[in-house]
């Protein structure tokens, strides 16, 4: 059987190798195999010819490589630790150092559920403390379509199944069969376009200077080659404030644990803290 990846390694194809070279080989093979099946192509050569002649199919293949799936409170253990331990500890640390605001970056935010989840937790903490918590939540993605959806903050019933009833009642407005983030919470998150693979920037422009207390980079790393993963993790580590925390996906925990600049803080939860020497 021919390797499906050979379907895009052709200089005459509408999609060049440079456009897909950063992705993990296994992920690429799965995506191409799915598109071959969808288009009725039985061989890599036939699909390569299809790509060379059909710019629309080339765009569809590229779009399939850009995963834009997310959930509210995706990992219950992770969010429980954030709520009970990580966020309170960062607020205390910032109070000691005099830092004005708690800074959060949701990298690869997709449809925004992750960013809204952390906004909900911070609002709960503020109410528990009886005072506002100055914070800046920056959510970025490479997909303009995903960001447009995230900014709207409207989700169907299936999308909010992990949201506690008290949070649904407090932070959402029912609109027909959908749930919309309340306006007060929408003001807490800044959505913007950013490419994690951009070698000319250390963090999103809206982040100004980095120094994030918390960065989410969840369920994204395993789509890329090992060297690209390292590049992303190095960038995230540099963007973290001293002692700041990185949250990844469960499937990426073992990958991140090997990074010299990070240490696991609560296995098996995929939460890591920046080492002082990095």
C-alpha atoms as a PDB file:
ATOM      1  CA  UNK A   1       0.000   0.000   0.000  1.00  0.00           C
ATOM      2  CA  UNK A   2       1.353   3.446  -0.917  1.00  0.00           C
ATOM      3  CA  UNK A   3       1.829   6.063   1.766  1.00  0.00           C
ATOM      4  CA  UNK A   4      -1.107   8.543   1.624  1.00  0.00           C
ATOM      5  CA  UNK A   5       1.284  11.361   2.524  1.00  0.00           C
ATOM      6  CA  UNK A   6       2.889  11.039  -0.915  1.00  0.00           C
ATOM      7  CA  UNK A   7      -0.312  12.549  -2.307  1.00  0.00           C
ATOM      8  CA  UNK A   8       0.829  16.021  -1.237  1.00  0.00           C
ATOM      9  CA  UNK A   9       4.551  15.755  -1.869  1.00  0.00           C
ATOM     10  CA  UNK A  10       4.474  17.024  -5.387  1.00  0.00           C
ATOM     11  CA  UNK A  11       5.641  20.439  -6.597  1.00  0.00           C
ATOM     12  CA  UNK A  12       2.772  20.654  -9.076  1.00  0.00           C
ATOM     13  CA  UNK A  13       0.122  20.055  -6.423  1.00  0.00           C
ATOM     14  CA  UNK A  14      -2.178  22.914  -5.386  1.00  0.00           C
ATOM     15  CA  UNK A  15      -0.950  22.315  -1.851  1.00  0.00           C
ATOM     16  CA  UNK A  16       2.785  22.390  -1.307  1.00  0.00           C
ATOM     17  CA  UNK A  17       4.768  20.362   1.187  1.00  0.00           C
ATOM     18  CA  UNK A  18       5.737  23.534   3.055  1.00  0.00           C
ATOM     19  CA  UNK A  19       2.076  24.085   3.968  1.00  0.00           C
ATOM     20  CA  UNK A  20       1.836  20.808   5.834  1.00  0.00           C
ATOM     21  CA  UNK A  21       5.433  19.976   6.786  1.00  0.00           C
ATOM     22  CA  UNK A  22       5.009  21.042  10.426  1.00  0.00           C
ATOM     23  CA  UNK A  23       2.347  18.426  11.177  1.00  0.00           C
ATOM     24  CA  UNK A  24       2.870  15.050  12.799  1.00  0.00           C
ATOM     25  CA  UNK A  25       3.194  12.199  10.279  1.00  0.00           C
ATOM     26  CA  UNK A  26       0.469  10.079  11.850  1.00  0.00           C
ATOM     27  CA  UNK A  27      -1.984  12.976  12.019  1.00  0.00           C
ATOM     28  CA  UNK A  28      -1.286  13.870   8.391  1.00  0.00           C
ATOM     29  CA  UNK A  29      -1.780  10.304   7.224  1.00  0.00           C
ATOM     30  CA  UNK A  30      -5.130  10.081   8.999  1.00  0.00           C
ATOM     31  CA  UNK A  31      -6.352  13.386   7.534  1.00  0.00           C
ATOM     32  CA  UNK A  32      -5.323  12.470   3.998  1.00  0.00           C
ATOM     33  CA  UNK A  33      -6.833   9.005   4.238  1.00  0.00           C
ATOM     34  CA  UNK A  34     -10.136  10.547   5.343  1.00  0.00           C
ATOM     35  CA  UNK A  35     -10.123  12.990   2.427  1.00  0.00           C
ATOM     36  CA  UNK A  36      -9.221  10.218  -0.026  1.00  0.00           C
ATOM     37  CA  UNK A  37     -12.224   8.240   1.185  1.00  0.00           C
ATOM     38  CA  UNK A  38     -14.508  11.291   1.039  1.00  0.00           C
ATOM     39  CA  UNK A  39     -13.502  12.053  -2.557  1.00  0.00           C
ATOM     40  CA  UNK A  40     -13.538   8.440  -3.731  1.00  0.00           C
ATOM     41  CA  UNK A  41      -9.806   8.359  -4.446  1.00  0.00           C
ATOM     42  CA  UNK A  42      -8.362   4.840  -4.057  1.00  0.00           C
ATOM     43  CA  UNK A  43      -4.667   5.643  -4.446  1.00  0.00           C
ATOM     44  CA  UNK A  44      -2.272   8.360  -3.355  1.00  0.00           C
ATOM     45  CA  UNK A  45      -1.456   9.050  -7.011  1.00  0.00           C
ATOM     46  CA  UNK A  46      -5.117   9.641  -7.838  1.00  0.00           C
ATOM     47  CA  UNK A  47      -5.567  11.980  -4.890  1.00  0.00           C
ATOM     48  CA  UNK A  48      -2.359  13.833  -5.762  1.00  0.00           C
ATOM     49  CA  UNK A  49      -3.778  14.438  -9.218  1.00  0.00           C
ATOM     50  CA  UNK A  50      -7.037  15.640  -7.646  1.00  0.00           C
ATOM     51  CA  UNK A  51      -5.127  18.135  -5.509  1.00  0.00           C
ATOM     52  CA  UNK A  52      -3.178  19.390  -8.532  1.00  0.00           C
ATOM     53  CA  UNK A  53      -6.385  20.073 -10.426  1.00  0.00           C
ATOM     54  CA  UNK A  54      -8.799  21.067  -7.664  1.00  0.00           C
ATOM     55  CA  UNK A  55      -7.899  24.099  -5.558  1.00  0.00           C
ATOM     56  CA  UNK A  56     -11.089  23.723  -3.529  1.00  0.00           C
ATOM     57  CA  UNK A  57     -10.107  20.223  -2.394  1.00  0.00           C
ATOM     58  CA  UNK A  58      -6.651  21.493  -1.485  1.00  0.00           C
ATOM     59  CA  UNK A  59      -8.274  24.131   0.739  1.00  0.00           C
ATOM     60  CA  UNK A  60     -10.578  21.531   2.295  1.00  0.00           C
ATOM     61  CA  UNK A  61      -7.583  19.354   3.150  1.00  0.00           C
ATOM     62  CA  UNK A  62      -5.727  22.283   4.691  1.00  0.00           C
ATOM     63  CA  UNK A  63      -8.800  23.262   6.700  1.00  0.00           C
ATOM     64  CA  UNK A  64      -9.103  19.707   8.031  1.00  0.00           C
ATOM     65  CA  UNK A  65      -5.632  20.057   9.547  1.00  0.00           C
ATOM     66  CA  UNK A  66      -6.670  23.056  11.632  1.00  0.00           C
ATOM     67  CA  UNK A  67      -8.514  21.547  14.566  1.00  0.00           C
ATOM     68  CA  UNK A  68     -10.995  23.978  16.141  1.00  0.00           C
ATOM     69  CA  UNK A  69     -12.667  21.747  18.733  1.00  0.00           C
ATOM     70  CA  UNK A  70     -12.937  22.710  22.394  1.00  0.00           C
ATOM     71  CA  UNK A  71     -15.162  22.178  25.442  1.00  0.00           C
ATOM     72  CA  UNK A  72     -16.206  23.972  28.581  1.00  0.00           C
ATOM     73  CA  UNK A  73     -14.320  22.678  31.651  1.00  0.00           C
ATOM     74  CA  UNK A  74     -12.856  19.945  29.461  1.00  0.00           C
ATOM     75  CA  UNK A  75     -10.813  18.180  32.146  1.00  0.00           C
ATOM     76  CA  UNK A  76     -12.732  18.221  35.483  1.00  0.00           C
ATOM     77  CA  UNK A  77      -9.628  17.449  37.564  1.00  0.00           C
ATOM     78  CA  UNK A  78      -7.639  20.219  35.904  1.00  0.00           C
ATOM     79  CA  UNK A  79     -10.334  22.828  36.458  1.00  0.00           C
ATOM     80  CA  UNK A  80     -10.907  21.698  40.037  1.00  0.00           C
ATOM     81  CA  UNK A  81      -7.201  22.248  40.739  1.00  0.00           C
ATOM     82  CA  UNK A  82      -7.288  25.610  39.017  1.00  0.00           C
ATOM     83  CA  UNK A  83     -10.297  26.666  41.044  1.00  0.00           C
ATOM     84  CA  UNK A  84      -9.129  25.404  44.425  1.00  0.00           C
ATOM     85  CA  UNK A  85      -5.334  25.721  44.254  1.00  0.00           C
ATOM     86  CA  UNK A  86      -3.673  27.319  41.231  1.00  0.00           C
ATOM     87  CA  UNK A  87      -5.681  30.525  40.797  1.00  0.00           C
ATOM     88  CA  UNK A  88      -5.830  31.359  44.537  1.00  0.00           C
ATOM     89  CA  UNK A  89      -2.076  30.758  44.836  1.00  0.00           C
ATOM     90  CA  UNK A  90      -1.303  33.075  41.895  1.00  0.00           C
ATOM     91  CA  UNK A  91      -3.577  35.767  43.317  1.00  0.00           C
ATOM     92  CA  UNK A  92      -1.744  35.522  46.635  1.00  0.00           C
ATOM     93  CA  UNK A  93       1.647  35.626  44.920  1.00  0.00           C
ATOM     94  CA  UNK A  94       0.664  38.650  42.861  1.00  0.00           C
ATOM     95  CA  UNK A  95      -0.556  40.400  45.977  1.00  0.00           C
ATOM     96  CA  UNK A  96       2.852  39.848  47.561  1.00  0.00           C
ATOM     97  CA  UNK A  97       4.785  41.148  44.556  1.00  0.00           C
ATOM     98  CA  UNK A  98       2.381  43.973  43.798  1.00  0.00           C
ATOM     99  CA  UNK A  99       1.521  42.765  40.285  1.00  0.00           C
ATOM    100  CA  UNK A 100      -1.542  44.677  39.139  1.00  0.00           C
ATOM    101  CA  UNK A 101      -3.423  41.956  37.297  1.00  0.00           C
ATOM    102  CA  UNK A 102      -3.708  38.211  36.842  1.00  0.00           C
ATOM    103  CA  UNK A 103      -2.800  37.399  33.232  1.00  0.00           C
ATOM    104  CA  UNK A 104      -4.127  34.389  31.296  1.00  0.00           C
ATOM    105  CA  UNK A 105      -3.469  33.257  27.723  1.00  0.00           C
ATOM    106  CA  UNK A 106      -5.646  30.647  26.005  1.00  0.00           C
ATOM    107  CA  UNK A 107      -3.493  29.635  23.012  1.00  0.00           C
ATOM    108  CA  UNK A 108      -5.366  27.841  20.245  1.00  0.00           C
ATOM    109  CA  UNK A 109      -8.662  28.797  21.859  1.00  0.00           C
ATOM    110  CA  UNK A 110     -10.852  27.435  19.017  1.00  0.00           C
ATOM    111  CA  UNK A 111     -14.520  28.254  19.747  1.00  0.00           C
ATOM    112  CA  UNK A 112     -13.707  29.963  23.052  1.00  0.00           C
ATOM    113  CA  UNK A 113     -15.061  27.548  25.662  1.00  0.00           C
ATOM    114  CA  UNK A 114     -11.722  27.301  27.452  1.00  0.00           C
ATOM    115  CA  UNK A 115     -11.390  31.070  27.815  1.00  0.00           C
ATOM    116  CA  UNK A 116     -14.966  31.439  29.054  1.00  0.00           C
ATOM    117  CA  UNK A 117     -14.390  28.618  31.558  1.00  0.00           C
ATOM    118  CA  UNK A 118     -11.465  30.434  33.167  1.00  0.00           C
ATOM    119  CA  UNK A 119     -13.409  33.714  33.104  1.00  0.00           C
ATOM    120  CA  UNK A 120     -16.186  31.994  35.051  1.00  0.00           C
ATOM    121  CA  UNK A 121     -13.741  30.707  37.665  1.00  0.00           C
ATOM    122  CA  UNK A 122     -12.162  34.145  38.088  1.00  0.00           C
ATOM    123  CA  UNK A 123     -15.568  35.766  38.497  1.00  0.00           C
ATOM    124  CA  UNK A 124     -16.481  33.169  41.127  1.00  0.00           C
ATOM    125  CA  UNK A 125     -13.225  33.924  42.965  1.00  0.00           C
ATOM    126  CA  UNK A 126     -13.910  37.646  42.858  1.00  0.00           C
ATOM    127  CA  UNK A 127     -17.342  37.140  44.362  1.00  0.00           C
ATOM    128  CA  UNK A 128     -15.915  34.845  47.042  1.00  0.00           C
ATOM    129  CA  UNK A 129     -13.269  37.475  47.899  1.00  0.00           C
ATOM    130  CA  UNK A 130     -15.841  40.231  47.906  1.00  0.00           C
ATOM    131  CA  UNK A 131     -13.750  42.422  45.601  1.00  0.00           C
ATOM    132  CA  UNK A 132     -12.945  42.691  41.892  1.00  0.00           C
ATOM    133  CA  UNK A 133      -9.940  40.730  40.639  1.00  0.00           C
ATOM    134  CA  UNK A 134      -8.003  42.710  38.020  1.00  0.00           C
ATOM    135  CA  UNK A 135      -7.362  40.257  35.198  1.00  0.00           C
ATOM    136  CA  UNK A 136      -6.540  40.067  31.519  1.00  0.00           C
ATOM    137  CA  UNK A 137      -7.666  36.996  29.568  1.00  0.00           C
ATOM    138  CA  UNK A 138      -6.270  36.781  26.053  1.00  0.00           C
ATOM    139  CA  UNK A 139      -7.591  34.064  23.751  1.00  0.00           C
ATOM    140  CA  UNK A 140      -5.912  33.477  20.398  1.00  0.00           C
ATOM    141  CA  UNK A 141      -6.308  31.218  17.402  1.00  0.00           C
ATOM    142  CA  UNK A 142      -5.163  31.100  13.795  1.00  0.00           C
ATOM    143  CA  UNK A 143      -8.727  30.538  12.560  1.00  0.00           C
ATOM    144  CA  UNK A 144     -10.753  33.709  11.983  1.00  0.00           C
ATOM    145  CA  UNK A 145     -13.941  31.642  11.704  1.00  0.00           C
ATOM    146  CA  UNK A 146     -13.339  30.046  15.112  1.00  0.00           C
ATOM    147  CA  UNK A 147     -12.612  33.435  16.673  1.00  0.00           C
ATOM    148  CA  UNK A 148     -15.795  34.938  15.226  1.00  0.00           C
ATOM    149  CA  UNK A 149     -17.780  32.097  16.783  1.00  0.00           C
ATOM    150  CA  UNK A 150     -15.962  32.518  20.102  1.00  0.00           C
ATOM    151  CA  UNK A 151     -16.668  36.249  20.248  1.00  0.00           C
ATOM    152  CA  UNK A 152     -20.379  35.622  19.823  1.00  0.00           C
ATOM    153  CA  UNK A 153     -20.325  33.376  22.886  1.00  0.00           C
ATOM    154  CA  UNK A 154     -23.448  31.439  21.921  1.00  0.00           C
ATOM    155  CA  UNK A 155     -23.495  27.650  22.313  1.00  0.00           C
ATOM    156  CA  UNK A 156     -26.009  24.863  21.879  1.00  0.00           C
ATOM    157  CA  UNK A 157     -27.191  22.572  24.660  1.00  0.00           C
ATOM    158  CA  UNK A 158     -24.652  19.848  23.854  1.00  0.00           C
ATOM    159  CA  UNK A 159     -21.783  22.323  24.187  1.00  0.00           C
ATOM    160  CA  UNK A 160     -22.672  23.335  27.760  1.00  0.00           C
ATOM    161  CA  UNK A 161     -23.188  19.846  29.193  1.00  0.00           C
ATOM    162  CA  UNK A 162     -20.035  20.155  31.361  1.00  0.00           C
ATOM    163  CA  UNK A 163     -21.126  23.502  32.831  1.00  0.00           C
ATOM    164  CA  UNK A 164     -22.493  23.390  36.367  1.00  0.00           C
ATOM    165  CA  UNK A 165     -26.132  24.359  36.770  1.00  0.00           C
ATOM    166  CA  UNK A 166     -25.233  27.318  39.003  1.00  0.00           C
ATOM    167  CA  UNK A 167     -22.875  28.617  36.321  1.00  0.00           C
ATOM    168  CA  UNK A 168     -25.481  28.186  33.600  1.00  0.00           C
ATOM    169  CA  UNK A 169     -27.926  30.212  35.669  1.00  0.00           C
ATOM    170  CA  UNK A 170     -25.413  32.918  36.586  1.00  0.00           C
ATOM    171  CA  UNK A 171     -23.283  33.375  33.481  1.00  0.00           C
ATOM    172  CA  UNK A 172     -25.518  32.415  30.548  1.00  0.00           C
ATOM    173  CA  UNK A 173     -28.707  33.750  28.986  1.00  0.00           C
ATOM    174  CA  UNK A 174     -31.061  31.243  27.378  1.00  0.00           C
ATOM    175  CA  UNK A 175     -31.821  32.167  23.775  1.00  0.00           C
ATOM    176  CA  UNK A 176     -34.207  29.614  22.329  1.00  0.00           C
ATOM    177  CA  UNK A 177     -32.269  26.344  22.204  1.00  0.00           C
ATOM    178  CA  UNK A 178     -28.936  28.065  22.847  1.00  0.00           C
ATOM    179  CA  UNK A 179     -26.990  29.542  25.760  1.00  0.00           C
ATOM    180  CA  UNK A 180     -25.290  32.930  25.430  1.00  0.00           C
ATOM    181  CA  UNK A 181     -22.485  34.252  27.635  1.00  0.00           C
ATOM    182  CA  UNK A 182     -23.730  37.254  29.646  1.00  0.00           C
ATOM    183  CA  UNK A 183     -22.423  40.675  28.466  1.00  0.00           C
ATOM    184  CA  UNK A 184     -20.537  41.330  31.715  1.00  0.00           C
ATOM    185  CA  UNK A 185     -18.460  38.187  31.221  1.00  0.00           C
ATOM    186  CA  UNK A 186     -17.867  38.866  27.521  1.00  0.00           C
ATOM    187  CA  UNK A 187     -15.967  41.994  28.492  1.00  0.00           C
ATOM    188  CA  UNK A 188     -13.438  39.838  30.345  1.00  0.00           C
ATOM    189  CA  UNK A 189     -11.946  38.103  27.294  1.00  0.00           C
ATOM    190  CA  UNK A 190     -10.004  39.562  24.373  1.00  0.00           C
ATOM    191  CA  UNK A 191     -10.059  37.326  21.271  1.00  0.00           C
ATOM    192  CA  UNK A 192      -7.418  37.909  18.586  1.00  0.00           C
ATOM    193  CA  UNK A 193      -5.591  36.178  15.742  1.00  0.00           C
ATOM    194  CA  UNK A 194      -2.180  34.723  16.537  1.00  0.00           C
ATOM    195  CA  UNK A 195      -0.005  32.015  15.010  1.00  0.00           C
ATOM    196  CA  UNK A 196       1.917  30.039  17.630  1.00  0.00           C
ATOM    197  CA  UNK A 197       4.452  29.127  14.950  1.00  0.00           C
ATOM    198  CA  UNK A 198       5.327  32.769  14.239  1.00  0.00           C
ATOM    199  CA  UNK A 199       9.061  32.933  14.956  1.00  0.00           C
ATOM    200  CA  UNK A 200       9.052  36.746  14.899  1.00  0.00           C
ATOM    201  CA  UNK A 201       6.934  37.215  18.023  1.00  0.00           C
ATOM    202  CA  UNK A 202       7.227  35.929  21.577  1.00  0.00           C
ATOM    203  CA  UNK A 203       3.534  36.270  22.464  1.00  0.00           C
ATOM    204  CA  UNK A 204       0.329  37.843  21.110  1.00  0.00           C
ATOM    205  CA  UNK A 205       0.477  41.592  20.505  1.00  0.00           C
ATOM    206  CA  UNK A 206      -2.489  42.007  22.852  1.00  0.00           C
ATOM    207  CA  UNK A 207      -0.391  40.338  25.559  1.00  0.00           C
ATOM    208  CA  UNK A 208       1.995  43.315  25.370  1.00  0.00           C
ATOM    209  CA  UNK A 209       4.900  41.820  27.320  1.00  0.00           C
ATOM    210  CA  UNK A 210       3.998  38.240  28.189  1.00  0.00           C
ATOM    211  CA  UNK A 211       4.462  37.439  31.876  1.00  0.00           C
ATOM    212  CA  UNK A 212       1.362  35.266  31.964  1.00  0.00           C
ATOM    213  CA  UNK A 213       0.334  33.685  35.250  1.00  0.00           C
ATOM    214  CA  UNK A 214      -1.481  30.924  33.368  1.00  0.00           C
ATOM    215  CA  UNK A 215      -1.267  29.643  29.801  1.00  0.00           C
ATOM    216  CA  UNK A 216      -3.558  27.061  28.228  1.00  0.00           C
ATOM    217  CA  UNK A 217      -2.098  25.147  25.286  1.00  0.00           C
ATOM    218  CA  UNK A 218      -4.418  22.151  25.290  1.00  0.00           C
ATOM    219  CA  UNK A 219      -4.860  19.325  22.790  1.00  0.00           C
ATOM    220  CA  UNK A 220      -2.752  21.061  20.182  1.00  0.00           C
ATOM    221  CA  UNK A 221       0.835  19.878  20.515  1.00  0.00           C
ATOM    222  CA  UNK A 222       0.300  16.297  19.349  1.00  0.00           C
ATOM    223  CA  UNK A 223      -0.766  17.502  15.894  1.00  0.00           C
ATOM    224  CA  UNK A 224       2.770  18.742  15.195  1.00  0.00           C
ATOM    225  CA  UNK A 225       6.210  17.259  14.600  1.00  0.00           C
ATOM    226  CA  UNK A 226       8.437  16.825  17.647  1.00  0.00           C
ATOM    227  CA  UNK A 227      10.651  19.812  16.808  1.00  0.00           C
ATOM    228  CA  UNK A 228       7.608  22.039  16.311  1.00  0.00           C
ATOM    229  CA  UNK A 229       6.232  20.921  19.672  1.00  0.00           C
ATOM    230  CA  UNK A 230       9.524  21.943  21.252  1.00  0.00           C
ATOM    231  CA  UNK A 231       9.357  25.312  19.513  1.00  0.00           C
ATOM    232  CA  UNK A 232       5.839  25.938  20.838  1.00  0.00           C
ATOM    233  CA  UNK A 233       6.726  24.866  24.369  1.00  0.00           C
ATOM    234  CA  UNK A 234       9.826  27.073  24.394  1.00  0.00           C
ATOM    235  CA  UNK A 235       7.697  30.052  23.333  1.00  0.00           C
ATOM    236  CA  UNK A 236       5.072  29.329  25.988  1.00  0.00           C
ATOM    237  CA  UNK A 237       7.726  28.982  28.699  1.00  0.00           C
ATOM    238  CA  UNK A 238       9.248  32.333  27.799  1.00  0.00           C
ATOM    239  CA  UNK A 239       5.786  33.923  27.895  1.00  0.00           C
ATOM    240  CA  UNK A 240       5.096  32.616  31.411  1.00  0.00           C
ATOM    241  CA  UNK A 241       5.791  34.773  34.434  1.00  0.00           C
ATOM    242  CA  UNK A 242       8.219  33.328  37.019  1.00  0.00           C
ATOM    243  CA  UNK A 243       6.383  30.477  38.692  1.00  0.00           C
ATOM    244  CA  UNK A 244       3.548  30.659  36.145  1.00  0.00           C
ATOM    245  CA  UNK A 245       1.523  27.622  35.116  1.00  0.00           C
ATOM    246  CA  UNK A 246       0.927  25.816  31.821  1.00  0.00           C
ATOM    247  CA  UNK A 247      -2.161  23.660  31.239  1.00  0.00           C
ATOM    248  CA  UNK A 248      -2.095  21.129  28.402  1.00  0.00           C
ATOM    249  CA  UNK A 249      -4.283  18.218  27.331  1.00  0.00           C
ATOM    250  CA  UNK A 250      -4.194  14.859  29.062  1.00  0.00           C
ATOM    251  CA  UNK A 251      -2.831  13.157  25.933  1.00  0.00           C
ATOM    252  CA  UNK A 252       0.087  15.614  25.904  1.00  0.00           C
ATOM    253  CA  UNK A 253       1.103  15.266  29.535  1.00  0.00           C
ATOM    254  CA  UNK A 254       4.024  12.903  28.926  1.00  0.00           C
ATOM    255  CA  UNK A 255       5.316  15.048  26.046  1.00  0.00           C
ATOM    256  CA  UNK A 256       5.371  18.206  28.137  1.00  0.00           C
ATOM    257  CA  UNK A 257       6.866  16.468  31.176  1.00  0.00           C
ATOM    258  CA  UNK A 258      10.130  16.069  29.233  1.00  0.00           C
ATOM    259  CA  UNK A 259      10.582  19.815  28.766  1.00  0.00           C
ATOM    260  CA  UNK A 260      13.470  21.250  30.802  1.00  0.00           C
ATOM    261  CA  UNK A 261      11.643  24.467  31.624  1.00  0.00           C
ATOM    262  CA  UNK A 262       8.576  22.863  33.197  1.00  0.00           C
ATOM    263  CA  UNK A 263       7.753  20.610  36.125  1.00  0.00           C
ATOM    264  CA  UNK A 264       4.559  18.664  36.752  1.00  0.00           C
ATOM    265  CA  UNK A 265       2.739  19.948  39.823  1.00  0.00           C
ATOM    266  CA  UNK A 266      -0.239  17.639  40.264  1.00  0.00           C
ATOM    267  CA  UNK A 267      -0.014  14.370  38.316  1.00  0.00           C
ATOM    268  CA  UNK A 268      -2.065  12.975  36.693  1.00  0.00           C
ATOM    269  CA  UNK A 269      -3.498  16.409  35.846  1.00  0.00           C
ATOM    270  CA  UNK A 270      -1.618  18.005  32.920  1.00  0.00           C
ATOM    271  CA  UNK A 271      -0.596  21.118  34.868  1.00  0.00           C
ATOM    272  CA  UNK A 272       3.015  22.313  34.821  1.00  0.00           C
ATOM    273  CA  UNK A 273       4.897  25.124  36.504  1.00  0.00           C
ATOM    274  CA  UNK A 274       7.727  27.140  35.001  1.00  0.00           C
ATOM    275  CA  UNK A 275      11.083  26.332  36.542  1.00  0.00           C
ATOM    276  CA  UNK A 276      12.948  29.306  37.960  1.00  0.00           C
ATOM    277  CA  UNK A 277      16.057  28.753  35.860  1.00  0.00           C
ATOM    278  CA  UNK A 278      14.248  28.793  32.478  1.00  0.00           C
END
